[in-house]
Amino acid sequence: MKVLWVHADRLVADDYAFRLESAGQVQTIDVDLDIPQVDIYVTQLTGSITIPVLGVGTPRICIGADIVPANLPIAVQLPKLSVTAVEAGQVLVDAETVDFADLSVHSKAR
């Protein structure tokens, strides 16, 4: 499976939500996250990037693992970014610590 790999010195996700569907039940977990030194692996990322200094957001863009060449000779380093309304496919997060606040779980029948 091809994935995008993103490393961040710090990831702050306010109002993060994810859904779990199983046996006719849907659970939604809402939480605020603050994760230092994190590696994220995803099959695709969609969101609006806020351009630093200008404070201007781009239209929503989608980057899939299929469009990134395999085995790039160098890592691409980007400056501090702010991304809003992010959606990701098949996410794996690798971090030593995760700080969280305002955790809530909602369940309902499908």
PDB file of N, CA and C in Angstrom:
ATOM      1  N   MET A   1       0.843  -1.169   0.000  1.00  0.00           N
ATOM      2  CA  MET A   1       0.000   0.000   0.000  1.00  0.00           C
ATOM      3  C   MET A   1       0.896   1.241   0.000  1.00  0.00           C
ATOM      4  N   LYS A   2       0.628   2.189  -0.893  1.00  0.00           N
ATOM      5  CA  LYS A   2       1.372   3.440  -0.931  1.00  0.00           C
ATOM      6  C   LYS A   2       0.771   4.417   0.078  1.00  0.00           C
ATOM      7  N   VAL A   3       1.641   5.119   0.793  1.00  0.00           N
ATOM      8  CA  VAL A   3       1.183   6.101   1.767  1.00  0.00           C
ATOM      9  C   VAL A   3       2.030   7.359   1.673  1.00  0.00           C
ATOM     10  N   LEU A   4       1.460   8.468   2.130  1.00  0.00           N
ATOM     11  CA  LEU A   4       2.203   9.700   2.327  1.00  0.00           C
ATOM     12  C   LEU A   4       2.760   9.660   3.736  1.00  0.00           C
ATOM     13  N   TRP A   5       3.992  10.085   3.913  1.00  0.00           N
ATOM     14  CA  TRP A   5       4.598  10.145   5.230  1.00  0.00           C
ATOM     15  C   TRP A   5       4.850  11.607   5.544  1.00  0.00           C
ATOM     16  N   VAL A   6       4.322  12.075   6.672  1.00  0.00           N
ATOM     17  CA  VAL A   6       4.496  13.456   7.107  1.00  0.00           C
ATOM     18  C   VAL A   6       5.070  13.421   8.520  1.00  0.00           C
ATOM     19  N   HIS A   7       6.171  14.147   8.715  1.00  0.00           N
ATOM     20  CA  HIS A   7       6.734  14.303  10.053  1.00  0.00           C
ATOM     21  C   HIS A   7       6.492  15.751  10.478  1.00  0.00           C
ATOM     22  N   ALA A   8       6.080  15.949  11.714  1.00  0.00           N
ATOM     23  CA  ALA A   8       5.879  17.303  12.235  1.00  0.00           C
ATOM     24  C   ALA A   8       6.532  17.415  13.607  1.00  0.00           C
ATOM     25  N   ASP A   9       7.139  18.577  13.861  1.00  0.00           N
ATOM     26  CA  ASP A   9       7.676  18.840  15.193  1.00  0.00           C
ATOM     27  C   ASP A   9       6.547  18.935  16.209  1.00  0.00           C
ATOM     28  N   ARG A  10       5.380  19.399  15.731  1.00  0.00           N
ATOM     29  CA  ARG A  10       4.207  19.500  16.607  1.00  0.00           C
ATOM     30  C   ARG A  10       2.952  19.503  15.747  1.00  0.00           C
ATOM     31  N   LEU A  11       1.971  18.729  16.152  1.00  0.00           N
ATOM     32  CA  LEU A  11       0.676  18.691  15.489  1.00  0.00           C
ATOM     33  C   LEU A  11      -0.387  19.081  16.504  1.00  0.00           C
ATOM     34  N   VAL A  12      -1.143  20.122  16.200  1.00  0.00           N
ATOM     35  CA  VAL A  12      -2.246  20.548  17.056  1.00  0.00           C
ATOM     36  C   VAL A  12      -3.525  20.361  16.243  1.00  0.00           C
ATOM     37  N   ALA A  13      -4.441  19.579  16.772  1.00  0.00           N
ATOM     38  CA  ALA A  13      -5.707  19.317  16.085  1.00  0.00           C
ATOM     39  C   ALA A  13      -6.852  19.656  17.024  1.00  0.00           C
ATOM     40  N   ASP A  14      -7.462  20.816  16.816  1.00  0.00           N
ATOM     41  CA  ASP A  14      -8.631  21.208  17.600  1.00  0.00           C
ATOM     42  C   ASP A  14      -9.868  20.604  16.957  1.00  0.00           C
ATOM     43  N   ASP A  15     -10.792  20.146  17.761  1.00  0.00           N
ATOM     44  CA  ASP A  15     -12.046  19.558  17.271  1.00  0.00           C
ATOM     45  C   ASP A  15     -11.804  18.374  16.344  1.00  0.00           C
ATOM     46  N   TYR A  16     -10.849  17.516  16.687  1.00  0.00           N
ATOM     47  CA  TYR A  16     -10.574  16.311  15.896  1.00  0.00           C
ATOM     48  C   TYR A  16     -11.693  15.314  16.140  1.00  0.00           C
ATOM     49  N   ALA A  17     -12.194  14.699  15.084  1.00  0.00           N
ATOM     50  CA  ALA A  17     -13.274  13.720  15.218  1.00  0.00           C
ATOM     51  C   ALA A  17     -12.983  12.521  14.321  1.00  0.00           C
ATOM     52  N   PHE A  18     -13.270  11.332  14.828  1.00  0.00           N
ATOM     53  CA  PHE A  18     -13.212  10.168  13.958  1.00  0.00           C
ATOM     54  C   PHE A  18     -14.361   9.241  14.286  1.00  0.00           C
ATOM     55  N   ARG A  19     -14.770   8.493  13.236  1.00  0.00           N
ATOM     56  CA  ARG A  19     -15.933   7.605  13.338  1.00  0.00           C
ATOM     57  C   ARG A  19     -15.506   6.157  13.298  1.00  0.00           C
ATOM     58  N   LEU A  20     -16.134   5.361  14.142  1.00  0.00           N
ATOM     59  CA  LEU A  20     -15.941   3.919  14.155  1.00  0.00           C
ATOM     60  C   LEU A  20     -17.287   3.274  13.887  1.00  0.00           C
ATOM     61  N   GLU A  21     -17.350   2.414  12.879  1.00  0.00           N
ATOM     62  CA  GLU A  21     -18.593   1.725  12.560  1.00  0.00           C
ATOM     63  C   GLU A  21     -18.387   0.232  12.762  1.00  0.00           C
ATOM     64  N   SER A  22     -19.269  -0.385  13.563  1.00  0.00           N
ATOM     65  CA  SER A  22     -19.154  -1.808  13.838  1.00  0.00           C
ATOM     66  C   SER A  22     -20.481  -2.353  14.343  1.00  0.00           C
ATOM     67  N   ALA A  23     -20.875  -3.473  13.809  1.00  0.00           N
ATOM     68  CA  ALA A  23     -22.062  -4.209  14.283  1.00  0.00           C
ATOM     69  C   ALA A  23     -23.291  -3.319  14.419  1.00  0.00           C
ATOM     70  N   GLY A  24     -23.534  -2.474  13.419  1.00  0.00           N
ATOM     71  CA  GLY A  24     -24.722  -1.640  13.433  1.00  0.00           C
ATOM     72  C   GLY A  24     -24.643  -0.408  14.315  1.00  0.00           C
ATOM     73  N   GLN A  25     -23.521  -0.172  14.930  1.00  0.00           N
ATOM     74  CA  GLN A  25     -23.323   0.997  15.787  1.00  0.00           C
ATOM     75  C   GLN A  25     -22.304   1.942  15.153  1.00  0.00           C
ATOM     76  N   VAL A  26     -22.542   3.221  15.320  1.00  0.00           N
ATOM     77  CA  VAL A  26     -21.594   4.243  14.881  1.00  0.00           C
ATOM     78  C   VAL A  26     -21.168   5.026  16.111  1.00  0.00           C
ATOM     79  N   GLN A  27     -19.869   5.060  16.360  1.00  0.00           N
ATOM     80  CA  GLN A  27     -19.339   5.841  17.473  1.00  0.00           C
ATOM     81  C   GLN A  27     -18.488   6.963  16.901  1.00  0.00           C
ATOM     82  N   THR A  28     -18.725   8.164  17.389  1.00  0.00           N
ATOM     83  CA  THR A  28     -17.928   9.317  16.996  1.00  0.00           C
ATOM     84  C   THR A  28     -17.163   9.781  18.227  1.00  0.00           C
ATOM     85  N   ILE A  29     -15.858   9.947  18.060  1.00  0.00           N
ATOM     86  CA  ILE A  29     -15.001  10.401  19.142  1.00  0.00           C
ATOM     87  C   ILE A  29     -14.496  11.795  18.789  1.00  0.00           C
ATOM     88  N   ASP A  30     -14.766  12.764  19.661  1.00  0.00           N
ATOM     89  CA  ASP A  30     -14.319  14.144  19.483  1.00  0.00           C
ATOM     90  C   ASP A  30     -13.264  14.447  20.541  1.00  0.00           C
ATOM     91  N   VAL A  31     -12.170  15.117  20.120  1.00  0.00           N
ATOM     92  CA  VAL A  31     -11.082  15.403  21.050  1.00  0.00           C
ATOM     93  C   VAL A  31     -10.208  16.519  20.485  1.00  0.00           C
ATOM     94  N   ASP A  32      -9.549  17.264  21.365  1.00  0.00           N
ATOM     95  CA  ASP A  32      -8.517  18.225  20.985  1.00  0.00           C
ATOM     96  C   ASP A  32      -7.169  17.554  21.246  1.00  0.00           C
ATOM     97  N   LEU A  33      -6.283  17.554  20.241  1.00  0.00           N
ATOM     98  CA  LEU A  33      -5.001  16.866  20.350  1.00  0.00           C
ATOM     99  C   LEU A  33      -3.832  17.836  20.248  1.00  0.00           C
ATOM    100  N   ASP A  34      -2.763  17.524  20.963  1.00  0.00           N
ATOM    101  CA  ASP A  34      -1.496  18.237  20.852  1.00  0.00           C
ATOM    102  C   ASP A  34      -0.412  17.161  20.898  1.00  0.00           C
ATOM    103  N   ILE A  35       0.256  16.924  19.751  1.00  0.00           N
ATOM    104  CA  ILE A  35       1.188  15.804  19.636  1.00  0.00           C
ATOM    105  C   ILE A  35       2.564  16.318  19.202  1.00  0.00           C
ATOM    106  N   PRO A  36       3.578  16.207  20.077  1.00  0.00           N
ATOM    107  CA  PRO A  36       4.932  16.609  19.673  1.00  0.00           C
ATOM    108  C   PRO A  36       5.644  15.475  18.930  1.00  0.00           C
ATOM    109  N   GLN A  37       6.565  15.840  18.043  1.00  0.00           N
ATOM    110  CA  GLN A  37       7.407  14.880  17.313  1.00  0.00           C
ATOM    111  C   GLN A  37       6.583  13.688  16.811  1.00  0.00           C
ATOM    112  N   VAL A  38       5.824  13.918  15.772  1.00  0.00           N
ATOM    113  CA  VAL A  38       4.880  12.918  15.289  1.00  0.00           C
ATOM    114  C   VAL A  38       5.150  12.571  13.824  1.00  0.00           C
ATOM    115  N   ASP A  39       4.973  11.300  13.507  1.00  0.00           N
ATOM    116  CA  ASP A  39       4.996  10.818  12.130  1.00  0.00           C
ATOM    117  C   ASP A  39       3.591  10.353  11.792  1.00  0.00           C
ATOM    118  N   ILE A  40       3.099  10.796  10.649  1.00  0.00           N
ATOM    119  CA  ILE A  40       1.745  10.452  10.222  1.00  0.00           C
ATOM    120  C   ILE A  40       1.843   9.784   8.857  1.00  0.00           C
ATOM    121  N   TYR A  41       1.159   8.668   8.704  1.00  0.00           N
ATOM    122  CA  TYR A  41       1.117   7.939   7.446  1.00  0.00           C
ATOM    123  C   TYR A  41      -0.339   7.896   6.999  1.00  0.00           C
ATOM    124  N   VAL A  42      -0.630   8.374   5.781  1.00  0.00           N
ATOM    125  CA  VAL A  42      -2.002   8.411   5.277  1.00  0.00           C
ATOM    126  C   VAL A  42      -2.023   8.037   3.800  1.00  0.00           C
ATOM    127  N   THR A  43      -3.149   7.526   3.339  1.00  0.00           N
ATOM    128  CA  THR A  43      -3.288   7.233   1.915  1.00  0.00           C
ATOM    129  C   THR A  43      -3.653   8.485   1.127  1.00  0.00           C
ATOM    130  N   GLN A  44      -4.317   9.443   1.783  1.00  0.00           N
ATOM    131  CA  GLN A  44      -4.616  10.724   1.138  1.00  0.00           C
ATOM    132  C   GLN A  44      -4.903  11.783   2.190  1.00  0.00           C
ATOM    133  N   LEU A  45      -4.663  13.043   1.816  1.00  0.00           N
ATOM    134  CA  LEU A  45      -4.944  14.190   2.681  1.00  0.00           C
ATOM    135  C   LEU A  45      -5.736  15.215   1.888  1.00  0.00           C
ATOM    136  N   THR A  46      -6.773  15.751   2.500  1.00  0.00           N
ATOM    137  CA  THR A  46      -7.560  16.816   1.892  1.00  0.00           C
ATOM    138  C   THR A  46      -7.702  17.929   2.916  1.00  0.00           C
ATOM    139  N   GLY A  47      -7.535  19.176   2.457  1.00  0.00           N
ATOM    140  CA  GLY A  47      -7.690  20.300   3.366  1.00  0.00           C
ATOM    141  C   GLY A  47      -7.345  21.607   2.694  1.00  0.00           C
ATOM    142  N   SER A  48      -7.486  22.683   3.441  1.00  0.00           N
ATOM    143  CA  SER A  48      -7.146  24.018   2.971  1.00  0.00           C
ATOM    144  C   SER A  48      -5.919  24.483   3.737  1.00  0.00           C
ATOM    145  N   ILE A  49      -4.862  24.885   3.019  1.00  0.00           N
ATOM    146  CA  ILE A  49      -3.616  25.314   3.637  1.00  0.00           C
ATOM    147  C   ILE A  49      -3.634  26.829   3.799  1.00  0.00           C
ATOM    148  N   THR A  50      -3.323  27.297   5.000  1.00  0.00           N
ATOM    149  CA  THR A  50      -3.197  28.740   5.232  1.00  0.00           C
ATOM    150  C   THR A  50      -1.750  29.135   4.974  1.00  0.00           C
ATOM    151  N   ILE A  51      -1.552  30.083   4.085  1.00  0.00           N
ATOM    152  CA  ILE A  51      -0.214  30.525   3.713  1.00  0.00           C
ATOM    153  C   ILE A  51       0.357  31.363   4.861  1.00  0.00           C
ATOM    154  N   PRO A  52       1.544  30.954   5.392  1.00  0.00           N
ATOM    155  CA  PRO A  52       2.143  31.698   6.504  1.00  0.00           C
ATOM    156  C   PRO A  52       2.365  33.164   6.138  1.00  0.00           C
ATOM    157  N   VAL A  53       2.355  34.022   7.112  1.00  0.00           N
ATOM    158  CA  VAL A  53       2.553  35.472   7.019  1.00  0.00           C
ATOM    159  C   VAL A  53       1.342  36.164   6.383  1.00  0.00           C
ATOM    160  N   LEU A  54       0.840  35.660   5.244  1.00  0.00           N
ATOM    161  CA  LEU A  54      -0.295  36.294   4.575  1.00  0.00           C
ATOM    162  C   LEU A  54      -1.625  35.990   5.257  1.00  0.00           C
ATOM    163  N   GLY A  55      -1.723  34.825   5.876  1.00  0.00           N
ATOM    164  CA  GLY A  55      -2.979  34.433   6.509  1.00  0.00           C
ATOM    165  C   GLY A  55      -4.086  34.143   5.511  1.00  0.00           C
ATOM    166  N   VAL A  56      -3.714  33.759   4.294  1.00  0.00           N
ATOM    167  CA  VAL A  56      -4.690  33.484   3.235  1.00  0.00           C
ATOM    168  C   VAL A  56      -4.783  31.976   3.030  1.00  0.00           C
ATOM    169  N   GLY A  57      -6.016  31.461   2.987  1.00  0.00           N
ATOM    170  CA  GLY A  57      -6.225  30.039   2.789  1.00  0.00           C
ATOM    171  C   GLY A  57      -6.389  29.680   1.326  1.00  0.00           C
ATOM    172  N   THR A  58      -5.864  28.516   0.958  1.00  0.00           N
ATOM    173  CA  THR A  58      -6.037  28.015  -0.404  1.00  0.00           C
ATOM    174  C   THR A  58      -7.404  27.346  -0.527  1.00  0.00           C
ATOM    175  N   PRO A  59      -7.880  27.114  -1.745  1.00  0.00           N
ATOM    176  CA  PRO A  59      -9.056  26.247  -1.897  1.00  0.00           C
ATOM    177  C   PRO A  59      -8.686  24.854  -1.382  1.00  0.00           C
ATOM    178  N   ARG A  60      -9.690  24.030  -1.077  1.00  0.00           N
ATOM    179  CA  ARG A  60      -9.422  22.665  -0.605  1.00  0.00           C
ATOM    180  C   ARG A  60      -8.664  21.899  -1.679  1.00  0.00           C
ATOM    181  N   ILE A  61      -7.594  21.233  -1.261  1.00  0.00           N
ATOM    182  CA  ILE A  61      -6.820  20.409  -2.182  1.00  0.00           C
ATOM    183  C   ILE A  61      -6.738  18.995  -1.634  1.00  0.00           C
ATOM    184  N   CYS A  62      -6.544  18.042  -2.512  1.00  0.00           N
ATOM    185  CA  CYS A  62      -6.416  16.635  -2.126  1.00  0.00           C
ATOM    186  C   CYS A  62      -5.111  16.101  -2.686  1.00  0.00           C
ATOM    187  N   ILE A  63      -4.301  15.515  -1.819  1.00  0.00           N
ATOM    188  CA  ILE A  63      -3.047  14.896  -2.236  1.00  0.00           C
ATOM    189  C   ILE A  63      -3.129  13.425  -1.864  1.00  0.00           C
ATOM    190  N   GLY A  64      -3.012  12.578  -2.868  1.00  0.00           N
ATOM    191  CA  GLY A  64      -3.042  11.142  -2.647  1.00  0.00           C
ATOM    192  C   GLY A  64      -1.656  10.545  -2.752  1.00  0.00           C
ATOM    193  N   ALA A  65      -1.450   9.413  -2.119  1.00  0.00           N
ATOM    194  CA  ALA A  65      -0.143   8.753  -2.153  1.00  0.00           C
ATOM    195  C   ALA A  65       0.225   8.337  -3.572  1.00  0.00           C
ATOM    196  N   ASP A  66      -0.750   8.146  -4.438  1.00  0.00           N
ATOM    197  CA  ASP A  66      -0.476   7.707  -5.808  1.00  0.00           C
ATOM    198  C   ASP A  66       0.211   8.772  -6.654  1.00  0.00           C
ATOM    199  N   ILE A  67       0.107  10.059  -6.282  1.00  0.00           N
ATOM    200  CA  ILE A  67       0.707  11.091  -7.124  1.00  0.00           C
ATOM    201  C   ILE A  67       2.137  11.443  -6.719  1.00  0.00           C
ATOM    202  N   VAL A  68       2.594  10.924  -5.591  1.00  0.00           N
ATOM    203  CA  VAL A  68       3.947  11.222  -5.111  1.00  0.00           C
ATOM    204  C   VAL A  68       4.879  10.116  -5.582  1.00  0.00           C
ATOM    205  N   PRO A  69       5.967  10.471  -6.292  1.00  0.00           N
ATOM    206  CA  PRO A  69       6.897   9.433  -6.752  1.00  0.00           C
ATOM    207  C   PRO A  69       7.500   8.660  -5.587  1.00  0.00           C
ATOM    208  N   ALA A  70       7.657   7.368  -5.768  1.00  0.00           N
ATOM    209  CA  ALA A  70       8.276   6.539  -4.731  1.00  0.00           C
ATOM    210  C   ALA A  70       9.770   6.830  -4.678  1.00  0.00           C
ATOM    211  N   ASN A  71      10.358   6.680  -3.530  1.00  0.00           N
ATOM    212  CA  ASN A  71      11.808   6.808  -3.334  1.00  0.00           C
ATOM    213  C   ASN A  71      12.366   8.157  -3.782  1.00  0.00           C
ATOM    214  N   LEU A  72      11.768   9.244  -3.310  1.00  0.00           N
ATOM    215  CA  LEU A  72      12.333  10.555  -3.597  1.00  0.00           C
ATOM    216  C   LEU A  72      13.753  10.601  -3.039  1.00  0.00           C
ATOM    217  N   PRO A  73      14.705  11.206  -3.766  1.00  0.00           N
ATOM    218  CA  PRO A  73      16.083  11.216  -3.275  1.00  0.00           C
ATOM    219  C   PRO A  73      16.297  12.091  -2.037  1.00  0.00           C
ATOM    220  N   ILE A  74      15.423  13.068  -1.817  1.00  0.00           N
ATOM    221  CA  ILE A  74      15.540  13.922  -0.635  1.00  0.00           C
ATOM    222  C   ILE A  74      14.157  14.104  -0.017  1.00  0.00           C
ATOM    223  N   ALA A  75      14.147  14.411   1.252  1.00  0.00           N
ATOM    224  CA  ALA A  75      12.875  14.705   1.921  1.00  0.00           C
ATOM    225  C   ALA A  75      12.490  16.148   1.610  1.00  0.00           C
ATOM    226  N   VAL A  76      11.223  16.374   1.354  1.00  0.00           N
ATOM    227  CA  VAL A  76      10.723  17.721   1.097  1.00  0.00           C
ATOM    228  C   VAL A  76      10.365  18.344   2.438  1.00  0.00           C
ATOM    229  N   GLN A  77      10.968  19.496   2.760  1.00  0.00           N
ATOM    230  CA  GLN A  77      10.698  20.160   4.026  1.00  0.00           C
ATOM    231  C   GLN A  77       9.884  21.415   3.763  1.00  0.00           C
ATOM    232  N   LEU A  78       8.781  21.541   4.481  1.00  0.00           N
ATOM    233  CA  LEU A  78       7.904  22.695   4.349  1.00  0.00           C
ATOM    234  C   LEU A  78       7.982  23.540   5.605  1.00  0.00           C
ATOM    235  N   PRO A  79       7.683  24.835   5.500  1.00  0.00           N
ATOM    236  CA  PRO A  79       7.673  25.687   6.697  1.00  0.00           C
ATOM    237  C   PRO A  79       6.455  25.367   7.556  1.00  0.00           C
ATOM    238  N   LYS A  80       6.336  26.062   8.656  1.00  0.00           N
ATOM    239  CA  LYS A  80       5.176  25.912   9.536  1.00  0.00           C
ATOM    240  C   LYS A  80       3.910  26.147   8.718  1.00  0.00           C
ATOM    241  N   LEU A  81       2.982  25.206   8.789  1.00  0.00           N
ATOM    242  CA  LEU A  81       1.735  25.297   8.030  1.00  0.00           C
ATOM    243  C   LEU A  81       0.546  25.174   8.954  1.00  0.00           C
ATOM    244  N   SER A  82      -0.540  25.771   8.541  1.00  0.00           N
ATOM    245  CA  SER A  82      -1.813  25.607   9.212  1.00  0.00           C
ATOM    246  C   SER A  82      -2.787  25.061   8.177  1.00  0.00           C
ATOM    247  N   VAL A  83      -3.375  23.919   8.470  1.00  0.00           N
ATOM    248  CA  VAL A  83      -4.303  23.278   7.544  1.00  0.00           C
ATOM    249  C   VAL A  83      -5.648  23.143   8.252  1.00  0.00           C
ATOM    250  N   THR A  84      -6.722  23.550   7.572  1.00  0.00           N
ATOM    251  CA  THR A  84      -8.050  23.489   8.176  1.00  0.00           C
ATOM    252  C   THR A  84      -8.948  22.519   7.422  1.00  0.00           C
ATOM    253  N   ALA A  85      -9.990  22.095   8.088  1.00  0.00           N
ATOM    254  CA  ALA A  85     -10.978  21.164   7.525  1.00  0.00           C
ATOM    255  C   ALA A  85     -10.300  19.954   6.890  1.00  0.00           C
ATOM    256  N   VAL A  86      -9.404  19.333   7.647  1.00  0.00           N
ATOM    257  CA  VAL A  86      -8.601  18.222   7.136  1.00  0.00           C
ATOM    258  C   VAL A  86      -9.394  16.920   7.188  1.00  0.00           C
ATOM    259  N   GLU A  87      -9.294  16.162   6.114  1.00  0.00           N
ATOM    260  CA  GLU A  87      -9.821  14.798   6.064  1.00  0.00           C
ATOM    261  C   GLU A  87      -8.689  13.918   5.568  1.00  0.00           C
ATOM    262  N   ALA A  88      -8.559  12.718   6.143  1.00  0.00           N
ATOM    263  CA  ALA A  88      -7.478  11.824   5.755  1.00  0.00           C
ATOM    264  C   ALA A  88      -8.012  10.412   5.599  1.00  0.00           C
ATOM    265  N   GLY A  89      -7.367   9.660   4.712  1.00  0.00           N
ATOM    266  CA  GLY A  89      -7.745   8.266   4.499  1.00  0.00           C
ATOM    267  C   GLY A  89      -6.740   7.331   5.146  1.00  0.00           C
ATOM    268  N   GLN A  90      -7.225   6.317   5.806  1.00  0.00           N
ATOM    269  CA  GLN A  90      -6.425   5.274   6.452  1.00  0.00           C
ATOM    270  C   GLN A  90      -5.205   5.858   7.157  1.00  0.00           C
ATOM    271  N   VAL A  91      -5.427   6.367   8.337  1.00  0.00           N
ATOM    272  CA  VAL A  91      -4.406   7.103   9.095  1.00  0.00           C
ATOM    273  C   VAL A  91      -3.692   6.206  10.095  1.00  0.00           C
ATOM    274  N   LEU A  92      -2.356   6.340  10.146  1.00  0.00           N
ATOM    275  CA  LEU A  92      -1.542   5.728  11.194  1.00  0.00           C
ATOM    276  C   LEU A  92      -0.710   6.848  11.801  1.00  0.00           C
ATOM    277  N   VAL A  93      -0.792   7.020  13.127  1.00  0.00           N
ATOM    278  CA  VAL A  93      -0.046   8.062  13.830  1.00  0.00           C
ATOM    279  C   VAL A  93       0.980   7.382  14.723  1.00  0.00           C
ATOM    280  N   ASP A  94       2.239   7.818  14.616  1.00  0.00           N
ATOM    281  CA  ASP A  94       3.320   7.262  15.422  1.00  0.00           C
ATOM    282  C   ASP A  94       3.941   8.395  16.238  1.00  0.00           C
ATOM    283  N   ALA A  95       3.741   8.342  17.566  1.00  0.00           N
ATOM    284  CA  ALA A  95       4.268   9.381  18.455  1.00  0.00           C
ATOM    285  C   ALA A  95       4.498   8.775  19.832  1.00  0.00           C
ATOM    286  N   GLU A  96       5.467   9.353  20.560  1.00  0.00           N
ATOM    287  CA  GLU A  96       5.740   8.870  21.909  1.00  0.00           C
ATOM    288  C   GLU A  96       4.700   9.338  22.905  1.00  0.00           C
ATOM    289  N   THR A  97       4.217  10.588  22.740  1.00  0.00           N
ATOM    290  CA  THR A  97       3.221  11.122  23.665  1.00  0.00           C
ATOM    291  C   THR A  97       2.121  11.825  22.894  1.00  0.00           C
ATOM    292  N   VAL A  98       0.947  11.837  23.500  1.00  0.00           N
ATOM    293  CA  VAL A  98      -0.207  12.550  22.950  1.00  0.00           C
ATOM    294  C   VAL A  98      -0.901  13.245  24.111  1.00  0.00           C
ATOM    295  N   ASP A  99      -1.003  14.566  24.022  1.00  0.00           N
ATOM    296  CA  ASP A  99      -1.763  15.318  25.015  1.00  0.00           C
ATOM    297  C   ASP A  99      -3.143  15.567  24.433  1.00  0.00           C
ATOM    298  N   PHE A 100      -4.174  15.413  25.269  1.00  0.00           N
ATOM    299  CA  PHE A 100      -5.526  15.613  24.759  1.00  0.00           C
ATOM    300  C   PHE A 100      -6.392  16.314  25.792  1.00  0.00           C
ATOM    301  N   ALA A 101      -7.472  16.918  25.291  1.00  0.00           N
ATOM    302  CA  ALA A 101      -8.434  17.593  26.158  1.00  0.00           C
ATOM    303  C   ALA A 101      -9.814  17.488  25.514  1.00  0.00           C
ATOM    304  N   ASP A 102     -10.843  17.681  26.310  1.00  0.00           N
ATOM    305  CA  ASP A 102     -12.231  17.710  25.829  1.00  0.00           C
ATOM    306  C   ASP A 102     -12.619  16.460  25.055  1.00  0.00           C
ATOM    307  N   LEU A 103     -12.320  15.300  25.620  1.00  0.00           N
ATOM    308  CA  LEU A 103     -12.664  14.021  24.998  1.00  0.00           C
ATOM    309  C   LEU A 103     -14.135  13.703  25.223  1.00  0.00           C
ATOM    310  N   SER A 104     -14.844  13.377  24.136  1.00  0.00           N
ATOM    311  CA  SER A 104     -16.235  12.942  24.266  1.00  0.00           C
ATOM    312  C   SER A 104     -16.533  11.880  23.216  1.00  0.00           C
ATOM    313  N   VAL A 105     -17.433  10.946  23.569  1.00  0.00           N
ATOM    314  CA  VAL A 105     -17.807   9.847  22.686  1.00  0.00           C
ATOM    315  C   VAL A 105     -19.329   9.869  22.532  1.00  0.00           C
ATOM    316  N   HIS A 106     -19.774   9.742  21.283  1.00  0.00           N
ATOM    317  CA  HIS A 106     -21.203   9.708  20.976  1.00  0.00           C
ATOM    318  C   HIS A 106     -21.500   8.428  20.217  1.00  0.00           C
ATOM    319  N   SER A 107     -22.537   7.700  20.632  1.00  0.00           N
ATOM    320  CA  SER A 107     -22.929   6.468  19.961  1.00  0.00           C
ATOM    321  C   SER A 107     -24.342   6.570  19.441  1.00  0.00           C
ATOM    322  N   LYS A 108     -24.580   5.910  18.297  1.00  0.00           N
ATOM    323  CA  LYS A 108     -25.942   5.803  17.777  1.00  0.00           C
ATOM    324  C   LYS A 108     -26.020   4.597  16.886  1.00  0.00           C
ATOM    325  N   ALA A 109     -27.231   4.069  16.727  1.00  0.00           N
ATOM    326  CA  ALA A 109     -27.447   2.920  15.846  1.00  0.00           C
ATOM    327  C   ALA A 109     -27.404   3.415  14.403  1.00  0.00           C
ATOM    328  N   ARG A 110     -26.878   2.556  13.559  1.00  0.00           N
ATOM    329  CA  ARG A 110     -26.768   2.885  12.149  1.00  0.00           C
ATOM    330  C   ARG A 110     -28.071   2.771  11.455  1.00  0.00           C
TER     331      ARG A 110
END
